Amino acid sequence: MAPLLRRTPRKNPADHTVTLIGKPGCHLCDDAQKVIEAVCAETGAVWEKQDITEDEELYRKYWEQIPVILVDGAQHDFWRVDPQRLRKALGA
């Protein structure tokens, strides 16, 4: 008799949070925001924006990589956002 495989239930895309870490006046951040807004609208995921100039820890950690994209608090991407890769990370 074959052993039963247990699968971890996949999260619904709407259960994820995408965070954009950027700064005002950053054209790459603006481009990333457009992709994030579109993918989140499509998948139902929540997104938020954090200003790196207002948080010393974020500044120290990510300054040379902005925009930085987190999915559920874990770094997903930086500089450019691939919409297909983001959809996949969200389980869509």
N, C-alpha and C. Protein backbone atom coordinates (compact mmCIF):
# COMPACT_ATOMS: atom_id res chain seq x y z
N MET A 1 0.84 -1.18 0.00
CA MET A 1 0.00 0.00 0.00
C MET A 1 0.89 1.24 0.00
N ALA A 2 0.64 2.15 -0.90
CA ALA A 2 1.44 3.37 -1.03
C ALA A 2 1.16 4.31 0.14
N PRO A 3 2.19 4.98 0.64
CA PRO A 3 1.98 5.93 1.74
C PRO A 3 1.16 7.13 1.26
N LEU A 4 0.39 7.69 2.15
CA LEU A 4 -0.39 8.88 1.83
C LEU A 4 0.51 10.11 1.85
N LEU A 5 0.38 10.93 0.85
CA LEU A 5 1.15 12.16 0.81
C LEU A 5 0.28 13.28 1.35
N ARG A 6 0.87 14.04 2.22
CA ARG A 6 0.15 15.20 2.76
C ARG A 6 0.64 16.44 2.03
N ARG A 7 -0.29 17.18 1.56
CA ARG A 7 0.05 18.42 0.89
C ARG A 7 -0.24 19.59 1.80
N THR A 8 0.66 20.54 1.76
CA THR A 8 0.41 21.78 2.47
C THR A 8 -0.58 22.57 1.65
N PRO A 9 -1.67 23.00 2.26
CA PRO A 9 -2.64 23.76 1.48
C PRO A 9 -2.02 25.03 0.91
N ARG A 10 -2.29 25.30 -0.34
CA ARG A 10 -1.78 26.51 -0.97
C ARG A 10 -2.58 27.70 -0.50
N LYS A 11 -1.89 28.78 -0.31
CA LYS A 11 -2.57 30.01 0.08
C LYS A 11 -3.31 30.58 -1.13
N ASN A 12 -4.43 31.14 -0.85
CA ASN A 12 -5.17 31.88 -1.85
C ASN A 12 -4.37 33.15 -2.15
N PRO A 13 -4.26 33.59 -3.40
CA PRO A 13 -3.52 34.82 -3.69
C PRO A 13 -3.97 36.01 -2.84
N ALA A 14 -5.25 36.06 -2.49
CA ALA A 14 -5.76 37.17 -1.69
C ALA A 14 -5.23 37.14 -0.26
N ASP A 15 -4.63 36.03 0.16
CA ASP A 15 -4.08 35.91 1.51
C ASP A 15 -2.66 36.46 1.61
N HIS A 16 -2.11 36.93 0.50
CA HIS A 16 -0.73 37.43 0.47
C HIS A 16 -0.71 38.96 0.54
N THR A 17 0.42 39.48 1.04
CA THR A 17 0.65 40.92 1.04
C THR A 17 1.95 41.20 0.29
N VAL A 18 1.86 42.09 -0.66
CA VAL A 18 3.02 42.54 -1.43
C VAL A 18 3.40 43.92 -0.90
N THR A 19 4.68 44.10 -0.59
CA THR A 19 5.16 45.38 -0.09
C THR A 19 6.17 45.95 -1.08
N LEU A 20 5.96 47.19 -1.46
CA LEU A 20 6.88 47.91 -2.32
C LEU A 20 7.67 48.88 -1.45
N ILE A 21 8.97 48.71 -1.42
CA ILE A 21 9.84 49.62 -0.69
C ILE A 21 10.54 50.50 -1.72
N GLY A 22 10.29 51.78 -1.64
CA GLY A 22 10.86 52.71 -2.61
C GLY A 22 11.00 54.09 -2.02
N LYS A 23 11.12 55.07 -2.90
CA LYS A 23 11.23 56.47 -2.47
C LYS A 23 10.55 57.36 -3.49
N PRO A 24 10.13 58.53 -3.06
CA PRO A 24 9.51 59.48 -3.97
C PRO A 24 10.50 59.90 -5.06
N GLY A 25 9.98 60.07 -6.28
CA GLY A 25 10.79 60.53 -7.39
C GLY A 25 11.63 59.46 -8.05
N CYS A 26 11.42 58.21 -7.69
CA CYS A 26 12.19 57.09 -8.26
C CYS A 26 11.37 56.50 -9.41
N HIS A 27 11.86 56.64 -10.65
CA HIS A 27 11.09 56.15 -11.79
C HIS A 27 10.97 54.62 -11.78
N LEU A 28 11.99 53.90 -11.30
CA LEU A 28 11.87 52.44 -11.19
C LEU A 28 10.80 52.05 -10.17
N CYS A 29 10.69 52.84 -9.10
CA CYS A 29 9.66 52.58 -8.09
C CYS A 29 8.27 52.79 -8.68
N ASP A 30 8.13 53.84 -9.49
CA ASP A 30 6.85 54.10 -10.15
C ASP A 30 6.48 52.96 -11.10
N ASP A 31 7.48 52.48 -11.85
CA ASP A 31 7.24 51.35 -12.77
C ASP A 31 6.84 50.10 -11.99
N ALA A 32 7.55 49.83 -10.89
CA ALA A 32 7.25 48.65 -10.06
C ALA A 32 5.84 48.75 -9.49
N GLN A 33 5.46 49.95 -9.06
CA GLN A 33 4.13 50.14 -8.48
C GLN A 33 3.04 49.81 -9.49
N LYS A 34 3.23 50.20 -10.74
CA LYS A 34 2.22 49.91 -11.77
C LYS A 34 2.04 48.40 -11.95
N VAL A 35 3.15 47.67 -11.97
CA VAL A 35 3.08 46.22 -12.13
C VAL A 35 2.40 45.60 -10.90
N ILE A 36 2.81 46.03 -9.72
CA ILE A 36 2.24 45.49 -8.47
C ILE A 36 0.75 45.78 -8.40
N GLU A 37 0.35 47.00 -8.71
CA GLU A 37 -1.07 47.35 -8.68
C GLU A 37 -1.87 46.45 -9.61
N ALA A 38 -1.35 46.23 -10.82
CA ALA A 38 -2.08 45.42 -11.80
C ALA A 38 -2.18 43.97 -11.35
N VAL A 39 -1.07 43.39 -10.90
CA VAL A 39 -1.07 41.98 -10.49
C VAL A 39 -1.94 41.79 -9.25
N CYS A 40 -1.86 42.71 -8.31
CA CYS A 40 -2.67 42.58 -7.09
C CYS A 40 -4.16 42.76 -7.39
N ALA A 41 -4.49 43.66 -8.31
CA ALA A 41 -5.90 43.83 -8.70
C ALA A 41 -6.42 42.56 -9.35
N GLU A 42 -5.57 41.93 -10.14
CA GLU A 42 -5.94 40.70 -10.85
C GLU A 42 -6.09 39.52 -9.89
N THR A 43 -5.21 39.42 -8.91
CA THR A 43 -5.17 38.25 -8.02
C THR A 43 -5.93 38.43 -6.72
N GLY A 44 -6.21 39.67 -6.35
CA GLY A 44 -6.87 39.94 -5.08
C GLY A 44 -5.89 40.11 -3.92
N ALA A 45 -4.61 40.04 -4.20
CA ALA A 45 -3.61 40.23 -3.14
C ALA A 45 -3.62 41.68 -2.68
N VAL A 46 -3.24 41.87 -1.45
CA VAL A 46 -3.15 43.20 -0.86
C VAL A 46 -1.74 43.73 -1.12
N TRP A 47 -1.62 45.04 -1.32
CA TRP A 47 -0.29 45.60 -1.46
C TRP A 47 -0.18 46.87 -0.64
N GLU A 48 1.06 47.18 -0.26
CA GLU A 48 1.32 48.38 0.53
C GLU A 48 2.64 48.98 0.04
N LYS A 49 2.84 50.23 0.40
CA LYS A 49 4.04 50.94 -0.04
C LYS A 49 4.73 51.50 1.20
N GLN A 50 6.06 51.37 1.23
CA GLN A 50 6.84 51.94 2.33
C GLN A 50 7.91 52.84 1.74
N ASP A 51 8.08 54.00 2.35
CA ASP A 51 9.06 54.99 1.90
C ASP A 51 10.38 54.75 2.64
N ILE A 52 11.39 54.40 1.88
CA ILE A 52 12.69 54.06 2.45
C ILE A 52 13.34 55.27 3.13
N THR A 53 12.96 56.49 2.73
CA THR A 53 13.55 57.68 3.32
C THR A 53 12.99 57.98 4.70
N GLU A 54 11.93 57.27 5.09
CA GLU A 54 11.30 57.50 6.39
C GLU A 54 11.57 56.40 7.39
N ASP A 55 12.41 55.42 7.02
CA ASP A 55 12.68 54.29 7.91
C ASP A 55 14.17 53.95 7.84
N GLU A 56 14.89 54.22 8.91
CA GLU A 56 16.33 54.04 8.94
C GLU A 56 16.75 52.59 8.69
N GLU A 57 16.01 51.64 9.23
CA GLU A 57 16.34 50.22 9.04
C GLU A 57 16.17 49.80 7.57
N LEU A 58 15.06 50.21 6.97
CA LEU A 58 14.84 49.91 5.55
C LEU A 58 15.92 50.56 4.70
N TYR A 59 16.27 51.79 5.03
CA TYR A 59 17.30 52.51 4.29
C TYR A 59 18.62 51.76 4.34
N ARG A 60 19.02 51.37 5.53
CA ARG A 60 20.29 50.65 5.72
C ARG A 60 20.28 49.31 4.96
N LYS A 61 19.18 48.62 5.00
CA LYS A 61 19.09 47.28 4.42
C LYS A 61 18.94 47.27 2.90
N TYR A 62 18.16 48.21 2.35
CA TYR A 62 17.76 48.10 0.96
C TYR A 62 18.16 49.27 0.05
N TRP A 63 18.86 50.28 0.55
CA TRP A 63 19.08 51.50 -0.22
C TRP A 63 19.57 51.25 -1.65
N GLU A 64 20.53 50.36 -1.81
CA GLU A 64 21.12 50.15 -3.14
C GLU A 64 20.29 49.23 -4.04
N GLN A 65 19.15 48.75 -3.55
CA GLN A 65 18.34 47.82 -4.33
C GLN A 65 16.98 48.38 -4.74
N ILE A 66 16.60 49.56 -4.29
CA ILE A 66 15.24 50.02 -4.53
C ILE A 66 14.93 50.14 -6.01
N PRO A 67 13.70 49.85 -6.36
CA PRO A 67 12.63 49.37 -5.50
C PRO A 67 12.84 47.91 -5.11
N VAL A 68 12.42 47.61 -3.89
CA VAL A 68 12.48 46.25 -3.37
C VAL A 68 11.04 45.78 -3.19
N ILE A 69 10.78 44.54 -3.59
CA ILE A 69 9.44 43.98 -3.48
C ILE A 69 9.50 42.81 -2.52
N LEU A 70 8.63 42.84 -1.51
CA LEU A 70 8.51 41.75 -0.55
C LEU A 70 7.17 41.06 -0.77
N VAL A 71 7.14 39.77 -0.57
CA VAL A 71 5.89 39.03 -0.55
C VAL A 71 5.80 38.38 0.82
N ASP A 72 4.80 38.78 1.58
CA ASP A 72 4.61 38.30 2.95
C ASP A 72 5.87 38.50 3.79
N GLY A 73 6.53 39.65 3.59
CA GLY A 73 7.68 40.02 4.40
C GLY A 73 9.01 39.47 3.93
N ALA A 74 9.03 38.59 2.94
CA ALA A 74 10.28 38.01 2.42
C ALA A 74 10.62 38.69 1.10
N GLN A 75 11.90 39.00 0.91
CA GLN A 75 12.31 39.67 -0.33
C GLN A 75 12.02 38.79 -1.53
N HIS A 76 11.32 39.36 -2.47
CA HIS A 76 10.93 38.66 -3.70
C HIS A 76 11.76 39.13 -4.88
N ASP A 77 11.95 40.43 -5.00
CA ASP A 77 12.61 41.00 -6.17
C ASP A 77 13.15 42.38 -5.83
N PHE A 78 13.97 42.92 -6.74
CA PHE A 78 14.40 44.31 -6.63
C PHE A 78 14.69 44.85 -8.02
N TRP A 79 14.73 46.17 -8.13
CA TRP A 79 14.91 46.94 -9.36
C TRP A 79 13.76 46.81 -10.33
N ARG A 80 13.46 45.62 -10.80
CA ARG A 80 12.37 45.43 -11.77
C ARG A 80 11.45 44.31 -11.27
N VAL A 81 10.18 44.42 -11.59
CA VAL A 81 9.22 43.40 -11.19
C VAL A 81 8.74 42.66 -12.43
N ASP A 82 8.89 41.34 -12.40
CA ASP A 82 8.39 40.50 -13.48
C ASP A 82 6.96 40.10 -13.10
N PRO A 83 5.96 40.53 -13.85
CA PRO A 83 4.58 40.23 -13.47
C PRO A 83 4.28 38.73 -13.38
N GLN A 84 4.84 37.94 -14.29
CA GLN A 84 4.59 36.49 -14.25
C GLN A 84 5.21 35.87 -13.00
N ARG A 85 6.40 36.29 -12.65
CA ARG A 85 7.07 35.77 -11.46
C ARG A 85 6.30 36.17 -10.19
N LEU A 86 5.77 37.40 -10.16
CA LEU A 86 4.99 37.86 -9.02
C LEU A 86 3.69 37.06 -8.91
N ARG A 87 3.01 36.85 -10.03
CA ARG A 87 1.79 36.04 -10.02
C ARG A 87 2.07 34.65 -9.44
N LYS A 88 3.17 34.05 -9.88
CA LYS A 88 3.55 32.71 -9.40
C LYS A 88 3.81 32.73 -7.89
N ALA A 89 4.50 33.76 -7.41
CA ALA A 89 4.77 33.86 -5.98
C ALA A 89 3.50 34.01 -5.17
N LEU A 90 2.47 34.58 -5.80
CA LEU A 90 1.19 34.76 -5.13
C LEU A 90 0.27 33.53 -5.29
N GLY A 91 0.75 32.54 -6.02
CA GLY A 91 -0.03 31.32 -6.20
C GLY A 91 -1.08 31.42 -7.27
N ALA A 92 -0.96 32.42 -8.13
CA ALA A 92 -1.97 32.61 -9.19
C ALA A 92 -1.54 31.92 -10.46
